[in-house]
C-alpha atoms as a PDB file:
ATOM      1  CA  MET A   1     -63.575  98.822  73.150  1.00  0.00           C
ATOM      2  CA  PRO A   2     -63.357  95.454  71.367  1.00  0.00           C
ATOM      3  CA  VAL A   3     -60.405  93.133  71.863  1.00  0.00           C
ATOM      4  CA  LEU A   4     -58.364  93.102  68.641  1.00  0.00           C
ATOM      5  CA  GLY A   5     -56.437  90.127  67.274  1.00  0.00           C
ATOM      6  CA  LEU A   6     -53.564  90.484  64.819  1.00  0.00           C
ATOM      7  CA  ASP A   7     -52.289  87.881  62.383  1.00  0.00           C
ATOM      8  CA  LEU A   8     -48.561  88.565  61.870  1.00  0.00           C
ATOM      9  CA  PRO A   9     -46.382  86.218  59.784  1.00  0.00           C
ATOM     10  CA  LEU A  10     -43.104  86.450  61.668  1.00  0.00           C
ATOM     11  CA  THR A  11     -41.543  83.331  60.133  1.00  0.00           C
ATOM     12  CA  GLN A  12     -40.699  82.229  56.601  1.00  0.00           C
ATOM     13  CA  THR A  13     -42.516  79.296  54.985  1.00  0.00           C
ATOM     14  CA  ASP A  14     -39.587  77.053  55.962  1.00  0.00           C
ATOM     15  CA  GLY A  15     -40.063  77.974  59.640  1.00  0.00           C
ATOM     16  CA  THR A  16     -37.056  80.268  60.011  1.00  0.00           C
ATOM     17  CA  VAL A  17     -37.461  83.707  61.544  1.00  0.00           C
ATOM     18  CA  ARG A  18     -38.199  86.484  59.067  1.00  0.00           C
ATOM     19  CA  PRO A  19     -35.229  88.808  59.827  1.00  0.00           C
ATOM     20  CA  GLY A  20     -35.635  92.568  59.824  1.00  0.00           C
ATOM     21  CA  GLN A  21     -39.392  92.479  59.251  1.00  0.00           C
ATOM     22  CA  GLY A  22     -41.834  94.399  61.405  1.00  0.00           C
ATOM     23  CA  GLY A  23     -39.224  96.581  63.094  1.00  0.00           C
ATOM     24  CA  SER A  24     -41.434  99.682  63.094  1.00  0.00           C
ATOM     25  CA  PHE A  25     -44.689  97.811  63.584  1.00  0.00           C
ATOM     26  CA  PRO A  26     -44.759  98.154  67.416  1.00  0.00           C
ATOM     27  CA  VAL A  27     -44.325 101.911  67.006  1.00  0.00           C
ATOM     28  CA  GLU A  28     -47.015 102.248  64.338  1.00  0.00           C
ATOM     29  CA  LEU A  29     -49.617  99.932  65.880  1.00  0.00           C
ATOM     30  CA  PRO A  30     -50.680 102.238  68.760  1.00  0.00           C
ATOM     31  CA  ALA A  31     -51.370 105.038  66.274  1.00  0.00           C
ATOM     32  CA  LEU A  32     -53.561 102.736  64.165  1.00  0.00           C
ATOM     33  CA  VAL A  33     -55.647 101.870  67.219  1.00  0.00           C
ATOM     34  CA  ARG A  34     -55.706 105.366  68.732  1.00  0.00           C
ATOM     35  CA  ASP A  35     -56.649 107.097  65.473  1.00  0.00           C
ATOM     36  CA  GLY A  36     -59.341 104.547  64.584  1.00  0.00           C
ATOM     37  CA  GLU A  37     -57.478 103.312  61.504  1.00  0.00           C
ATOM     38  CA  MET A  38     -57.657  99.633  62.508  1.00  0.00           C
ATOM     39  CA  GLY A  39     -61.196  99.569  61.155  1.00  0.00           C
ATOM     40  CA  HIS A  40     -59.772 100.170  57.672  1.00  0.00           C
ATOM     41  CA  GLN A  41     -57.424  97.179  57.811  1.00  0.00           C
ATOM     42  CA  GLN A  42     -58.250  93.800  56.242  1.00  0.00           C
ATOM     43  CA  ARG A  43     -60.226  91.546  58.580  1.00  0.00           C
ATOM     44  CA  ILE A  44     -59.873  87.788  58.718  1.00  0.00           C
ATOM     45  CA  ASP A  45     -63.213  86.000  58.677  1.00  0.00           C
ATOM     46  CA  THR A  46     -62.700  83.676  61.626  1.00  0.00           C
ATOM     47  CA  VAL A  47     -64.025  83.000  65.085  1.00  0.00           C
ATOM     48  CA  ASP A  48     -61.478  83.526  67.849  1.00  0.00           C
ATOM     49  CA  ASP A  49     -62.189  82.745  71.508  1.00  0.00           C
ATOM     50  CA  TYR A  50     -59.790  85.460  72.694  1.00  0.00           C
ATOM     51  CA  CYS A  51     -60.690  88.488  70.573  1.00  0.00           C
ATOM     52  CA  ASP A  52     -63.637  90.152  68.895  1.00  0.00           C
ATOM     53  CA  VAL A  53     -62.004  90.949  65.539  1.00  0.00           C
ATOM     54  CA  VAL A  54     -58.880  89.549  63.827  1.00  0.00           C
ATOM     55  CA  TYR A  55     -56.925  91.692  61.363  1.00  0.00           C
ATOM     56  CA  ASP A  56     -54.474  90.458  58.732  1.00  0.00           C
ATOM     57  CA  MET A  57     -51.383  92.600  59.289  1.00  0.00           C
ATOM     58  CA  GLY A  58     -49.079  90.544  57.059  1.00  0.00           C
ATOM     59  CA  PHE A  59     -48.449  93.386  54.637  1.00  0.00           C
ATOM     60  CA  TRP A  60     -46.994  95.449  57.520  1.00  0.00           C
ATOM     61  CA  VAL A  61     -44.189  92.960  58.100  1.00  0.00           C
ATOM     62  CA  ASN A  62     -43.956  91.592  54.553  1.00  0.00           C
ATOM     63  CA  PRO A  63     -44.977  94.325  52.092  1.00  0.00           C
ATOM     64  CA  ASP A  64     -45.524  93.520  48.433  1.00  0.00           C
ATOM     65  CA  PRO A  65     -42.480  94.351  46.291  1.00  0.00           C
ATOM     66  CA  ASP A  66     -43.006  97.320  43.986  1.00  0.00           C
END
């Protein structure tokens, strides 16, 4: 199994912590990996020395307003 990297914006642009964001993410992440759904998430085109693939998971902790 490849090593997965996740890009999670946990701070605001001013550097302060993004409160209340991503609360359910740790619960939902194992299901994404277990069920093979990570392959459907947006990849970041980058080279990382510590993982095989990097996914942009920003919308999980900062969803677009409807």
